[in-house]
Amino acid sequence: PDSDLLKQIIPDGWARKKLNLNDVERDLSCLSACRKLKDDLNSLENIQIEILKLLLTPSDVLQHPPSSKFLFITKFRLFLKENLSDSPVK
């Protein structure tokens, strides 16, 4: 969310106050930790995407009866279609 939305959700968290050097140092430290966490989460998300790509590759489609992997793919794609309107899965 952008700053305006956050101000609406948490108005008391956006009070203007005079900052001293300790506050600035604490805020910079927090921002640095947030950036590192964001980068780490992006890496984790990319790994999860690659795992899902492997899982969603239908290498055993012609098997009879259908494999558990194929059943998972079918159910998961249906779940994505129903729950993610902007999903690239068609």
N, C-alpha and C. Protein backbone atom coordinates (compact mmCIF):
# COMPACT_ATOMS: atom_id res chain seq x y z
N PRO A 1 0.83 -1.20 0.00
CA PRO A 1 0.00 0.00 0.00
C PRO A 1 0.87 1.25 0.00
N ASP A 2 0.32 2.30 -0.54
CA ASP A 2 1.07 3.55 -0.57
C ASP A 2 0.89 4.29 0.76
N SER A 3 1.64 5.39 0.92
CA SER A 3 1.64 6.14 2.18
C SER A 3 0.26 6.68 2.53
N ASP A 4 -0.47 7.16 1.54
CA ASP A 4 -1.79 7.73 1.82
C ASP A 4 -2.74 6.67 2.39
N LEU A 5 -2.69 5.48 1.83
CA LEU A 5 -3.54 4.40 2.32
C LEU A 5 -3.14 4.01 3.74
N LEU A 6 -1.84 3.94 3.99
CA LEU A 6 -1.39 3.61 5.35
C LEU A 6 -1.80 4.69 6.34
N LYS A 7 -1.78 5.94 5.92
CA LYS A 7 -2.22 7.03 6.80
C LYS A 7 -3.70 6.87 7.15
N GLN A 8 -4.49 6.38 6.21
CA GLN A 8 -5.91 6.16 6.48
C GLN A 8 -6.11 4.98 7.42
N ILE A 9 -5.34 3.93 7.22
CA ILE A 9 -5.50 2.73 8.04
C ILE A 9 -4.98 2.95 9.46
N ILE A 10 -3.83 3.59 9.57
CA ILE A 10 -3.19 3.80 10.87
C ILE A 10 -2.88 5.29 11.03
N PRO A 11 -3.88 6.11 11.31
CA PRO A 11 -3.64 7.56 11.37
C PRO A 11 -2.71 7.97 12.50
N ASP A 12 -2.75 7.26 13.62
CA ASP A 12 -1.89 7.64 14.75
C ASP A 12 -0.43 7.33 14.49
N GLY A 13 -0.17 6.43 13.59
CA GLY A 13 1.22 6.08 13.29
C GLY A 13 1.93 7.10 12.43
N TRP A 14 1.20 8.08 11.95
CA TRP A 14 1.77 9.07 11.05
C TRP A 14 1.82 10.46 11.68
N ALA A 15 1.85 10.52 12.99
CA ALA A 15 1.92 11.82 13.66
C ALA A 15 3.28 12.46 13.39
N ARG A 16 3.26 13.73 13.15
CA ARG A 16 4.51 14.47 12.94
C ARG A 16 5.13 14.78 14.30
N LYS A 17 6.42 14.56 14.42
CA LYS A 17 7.11 14.89 15.65
C LYS A 17 8.54 15.26 15.31
N LYS A 18 9.16 15.94 16.24
CA LYS A 18 10.57 16.30 16.04
C LYS A 18 11.42 15.06 16.29
N LEU A 19 12.33 14.84 15.37
CA LEU A 19 13.20 13.68 15.49
C LEU A 19 14.56 14.10 16.01
N ASN A 20 15.12 13.26 16.86
CA ASN A 20 16.49 13.50 17.28
C ASN A 20 17.39 12.49 16.57
N LEU A 21 18.67 12.58 16.81
CA LEU A 21 19.64 11.74 16.10
C LEU A 21 19.39 10.25 16.38
N ASN A 22 19.04 9.91 17.61
CA ASN A 22 18.77 8.50 17.94
C ASN A 22 17.59 7.96 17.14
N ASP A 23 16.56 8.79 16.99
CA ASP A 23 15.39 8.37 16.22
C ASP A 23 15.76 8.12 14.76
N VAL A 24 16.56 9.00 14.21
CA VAL A 24 16.98 8.87 12.81
C VAL A 24 17.82 7.60 12.63
N GLU A 25 18.76 7.37 13.55
CA GLU A 25 19.59 6.17 13.46
C GLU A 25 18.74 4.91 13.57
N ARG A 26 17.77 4.92 14.48
CA ARG A 26 16.89 3.76 14.65
C ARG A 26 16.07 3.53 13.38
N ASP A 27 15.55 4.62 12.82
CA ASP A 27 14.75 4.49 11.60
C ASP A 27 15.59 3.98 10.43
N LEU A 28 16.81 4.47 10.30
CA LEU A 28 17.69 4.00 9.23
C LEU A 28 18.03 2.52 9.41
N SER A 29 18.26 2.12 10.64
CA SER A 29 18.54 0.72 10.93
C SER A 29 17.33 -0.14 10.57
N CYS A 30 16.16 0.34 10.91
CA CYS A 30 14.92 -0.39 10.60
C CYS A 30 14.73 -0.49 9.09
N LEU A 31 14.96 0.61 8.38
CA LEU A 31 14.82 0.60 6.92
C LEU A 31 15.79 -0.38 6.28
N SER A 32 17.01 -0.41 6.80
CA SER A 32 18.00 -1.34 6.27
C SER A 32 17.56 -2.78 6.49
N ALA A 33 17.05 -3.07 7.68
CA ALA A 33 16.57 -4.43 7.97
C ALA A 33 15.38 -4.78 7.08
N CYS A 34 14.49 -3.82 6.84
CA CYS A 34 13.33 -4.06 5.98
C CYS A 34 13.76 -4.35 4.55
N ARG A 35 14.75 -3.61 4.06
CA ARG A 35 15.25 -3.85 2.69
C ARG A 35 15.86 -5.25 2.58
N LYS A 36 16.65 -5.63 3.60
CA LYS A 36 17.26 -6.97 3.57
C LYS A 36 16.17 -8.04 3.61
N LEU A 37 15.17 -7.85 4.46
CA LEU A 37 14.08 -8.81 4.54
C LEU A 37 13.34 -8.91 3.21
N LYS A 38 13.11 -7.76 2.57
CA LYS A 38 12.42 -7.75 1.28
C LYS A 38 13.23 -8.52 0.23
N ASP A 39 14.55 -8.29 0.21
CA ASP A 39 15.40 -9.01 -0.74
C ASP A 39 15.38 -10.51 -0.48
N ASP A 40 15.46 -10.89 0.79
CA ASP A 40 15.43 -12.31 1.15
C ASP A 40 14.10 -12.94 0.76
N LEU A 41 13.01 -12.22 0.99
CA LEU A 41 11.69 -12.74 0.63
C LEU A 41 11.54 -12.87 -0.88
N ASN A 42 12.11 -11.93 -1.64
CA ASN A 42 12.07 -12.03 -3.10
C ASN A 42 12.81 -13.28 -3.57
N SER A 43 13.95 -13.56 -2.94
CA SER A 43 14.70 -14.77 -3.29
C SER A 43 13.89 -16.02 -2.99
N LEU A 44 13.27 -16.04 -1.82
CA LEU A 44 12.44 -17.18 -1.44
C LEU A 44 11.26 -17.35 -2.38
N GLU A 45 10.64 -16.24 -2.75
CA GLU A 45 9.51 -16.30 -3.67
C GLU A 45 9.94 -16.86 -5.02
N ASN A 46 11.11 -16.46 -5.50
CA ASN A 46 11.61 -16.99 -6.78
C ASN A 46 11.86 -18.49 -6.71
N ILE A 47 12.37 -18.96 -5.57
CA ILE A 47 12.58 -20.40 -5.39
C ILE A 47 11.24 -21.13 -5.40
N GLN A 48 10.26 -20.57 -4.71
CA GLN A 48 8.93 -21.19 -4.68
C GLN A 48 8.31 -21.25 -6.08
N ILE A 49 8.50 -20.20 -6.85
CA ILE A 49 7.98 -20.18 -8.22
C ILE A 49 8.62 -21.28 -9.05
N GLU A 50 9.93 -21.45 -8.91
CA GLU A 50 10.62 -22.50 -9.66
C GLU A 50 10.14 -23.89 -9.25
N ILE A 51 9.90 -24.09 -7.95
CA ILE A 51 9.38 -25.37 -7.48
C ILE A 51 8.00 -25.63 -8.08
N LEU A 52 7.14 -24.61 -8.07
CA LEU A 52 5.81 -24.78 -8.65
C LEU A 52 5.87 -25.06 -10.15
N LYS A 53 6.81 -24.44 -10.84
CA LYS A 53 6.96 -24.72 -12.27
C LYS A 53 7.29 -26.19 -12.49
N LEU A 54 8.17 -26.73 -11.63
CA LEU A 54 8.51 -28.15 -11.74
C LEU A 54 7.30 -29.03 -11.44
N LEU A 55 6.56 -28.66 -10.40
CA LEU A 55 5.39 -29.45 -10.03
C LEU A 55 4.30 -29.39 -11.09
N LEU A 56 4.19 -28.26 -11.76
CA LEU A 56 3.11 -28.07 -12.72
C LEU A 56 3.45 -28.55 -14.12
N THR A 57 4.62 -29.13 -14.30
CA THR A 57 4.98 -29.68 -15.60
C THR A 57 4.33 -31.05 -15.74
N PRO A 58 3.38 -31.18 -16.66
CA PRO A 58 2.64 -32.45 -16.78
C PRO A 58 3.42 -33.49 -17.57
N SER A 59 4.39 -34.11 -16.92
CA SER A 59 5.23 -35.09 -17.61
C SER A 59 4.58 -36.47 -17.70
N ASP A 60 3.53 -36.69 -16.93
CA ASP A 60 2.90 -38.01 -16.91
C ASP A 60 1.40 -37.93 -17.19
N VAL A 61 1.04 -37.12 -18.16
CA VAL A 61 -0.37 -36.87 -18.48
C VAL A 61 -1.06 -38.12 -19.01
N LEU A 62 -0.38 -38.92 -19.77
CA LEU A 62 -1.02 -40.05 -20.45
C LEU A 62 -1.11 -41.31 -19.58
N GLN A 63 -0.68 -41.22 -18.36
CA GLN A 63 -0.72 -42.38 -17.48
C GLN A 63 -2.16 -42.70 -17.09
N HIS A 64 -2.45 -43.99 -16.96
CA HIS A 64 -3.79 -44.39 -16.53
C HIS A 64 -3.67 -45.45 -15.44
N PRO A 65 -4.25 -45.26 -14.31
CA PRO A 65 -5.04 -44.12 -13.86
C PRO A 65 -4.15 -42.89 -13.67
N PRO A 66 -4.75 -41.72 -13.62
CA PRO A 66 -3.95 -40.49 -13.49
C PRO A 66 -3.08 -40.51 -12.23
N SER A 67 -1.88 -40.02 -12.38
CA SER A 67 -0.96 -39.98 -11.25
C SER A 67 -1.40 -38.92 -10.24
N SER A 68 -0.87 -39.01 -9.04
CA SER A 68 -1.20 -38.01 -8.02
C SER A 68 -0.67 -36.64 -8.43
N LYS A 69 0.46 -36.62 -9.15
CA LYS A 69 1.00 -35.35 -9.63
C LYS A 69 0.04 -34.70 -10.61
N PHE A 70 -0.50 -35.49 -11.52
CA PHE A 70 -1.44 -34.95 -12.49
C PHE A 70 -2.71 -34.45 -11.80
N LEU A 71 -3.19 -35.18 -10.82
CA LEU A 71 -4.37 -34.74 -10.06
C LEU A 71 -4.08 -33.44 -9.31
N PHE A 72 -2.88 -33.34 -8.75
CA PHE A 72 -2.48 -32.11 -8.07
C PHE A 72 -2.47 -30.94 -9.04
N ILE A 73 -1.87 -31.14 -10.20
CA ILE A 73 -1.81 -30.08 -11.21
C ILE A 73 -3.21 -29.60 -11.57
N THR A 74 -4.09 -30.54 -11.81
CA THR A 74 -5.47 -30.20 -12.19
C THR A 74 -6.16 -29.40 -11.10
N LYS A 75 -6.08 -29.88 -9.87
CA LYS A 75 -6.73 -29.18 -8.75
C LYS A 75 -6.10 -27.82 -8.50
N PHE A 76 -4.78 -27.75 -8.59
CA PHE A 76 -4.09 -26.49 -8.32
C PHE A 76 -4.41 -25.44 -9.38
N ARG A 77 -4.44 -25.84 -10.63
CA ARG A 77 -4.80 -24.90 -11.70
C ARG A 77 -6.23 -24.39 -11.51
N LEU A 78 -7.13 -25.27 -11.13
CA LEU A 78 -8.51 -24.86 -10.87
C LEU A 78 -8.56 -23.87 -9.71
N PHE A 79 -7.80 -24.15 -8.66
CA PHE A 79 -7.73 -23.25 -7.51
C PHE A 79 -7.24 -21.87 -7.95
N LEU A 80 -6.18 -21.83 -8.76
CA LEU A 80 -5.64 -20.55 -9.23
C LEU A 80 -6.67 -19.79 -10.07
N LYS A 81 -7.34 -20.49 -10.95
CA LYS A 81 -8.35 -19.84 -11.79
C LYS A 81 -9.46 -19.23 -10.95
N GLU A 82 -9.87 -19.94 -9.91
CA GLU A 82 -10.98 -19.47 -9.07
C GLU A 82 -10.57 -18.34 -8.13
N ASN A 83 -9.30 -18.32 -7.71
CA ASN A 83 -8.90 -17.41 -6.64
C ASN A 83 -7.98 -16.27 -7.07
N LEU A 84 -7.39 -16.36 -8.23
CA LEU A 84 -6.47 -15.31 -8.67
C LEU A 84 -6.94 -14.76 -10.00
N SER A 85 -7.59 -13.64 -9.95
CA SER A 85 -8.14 -13.07 -11.19
C SER A 85 -7.05 -12.64 -12.16
N ASP A 86 -5.88 -12.23 -11.64
CA ASP A 86 -4.81 -11.77 -12.52
C ASP A 86 -3.75 -12.85 -12.75
N SER A 87 -4.11 -14.10 -12.52
CA SER A 87 -3.18 -15.20 -12.70
C SER A 87 -2.89 -15.42 -14.18
N PRO A 88 -1.63 -15.73 -14.53
CA PRO A 88 -1.31 -16.03 -15.92
C PRO A 88 -1.81 -17.40 -16.34
N VAL A 89 -2.28 -18.20 -15.39
CA VAL A 89 -2.79 -19.53 -15.70
C VAL A 89 -4.14 -19.40 -16.38
N LYS A 90 -4.29 -19.99 -17.54
CA LYS A 90 -5.56 -19.90 -18.29
C LYS A 90 -6.14 -21.28 -18.47
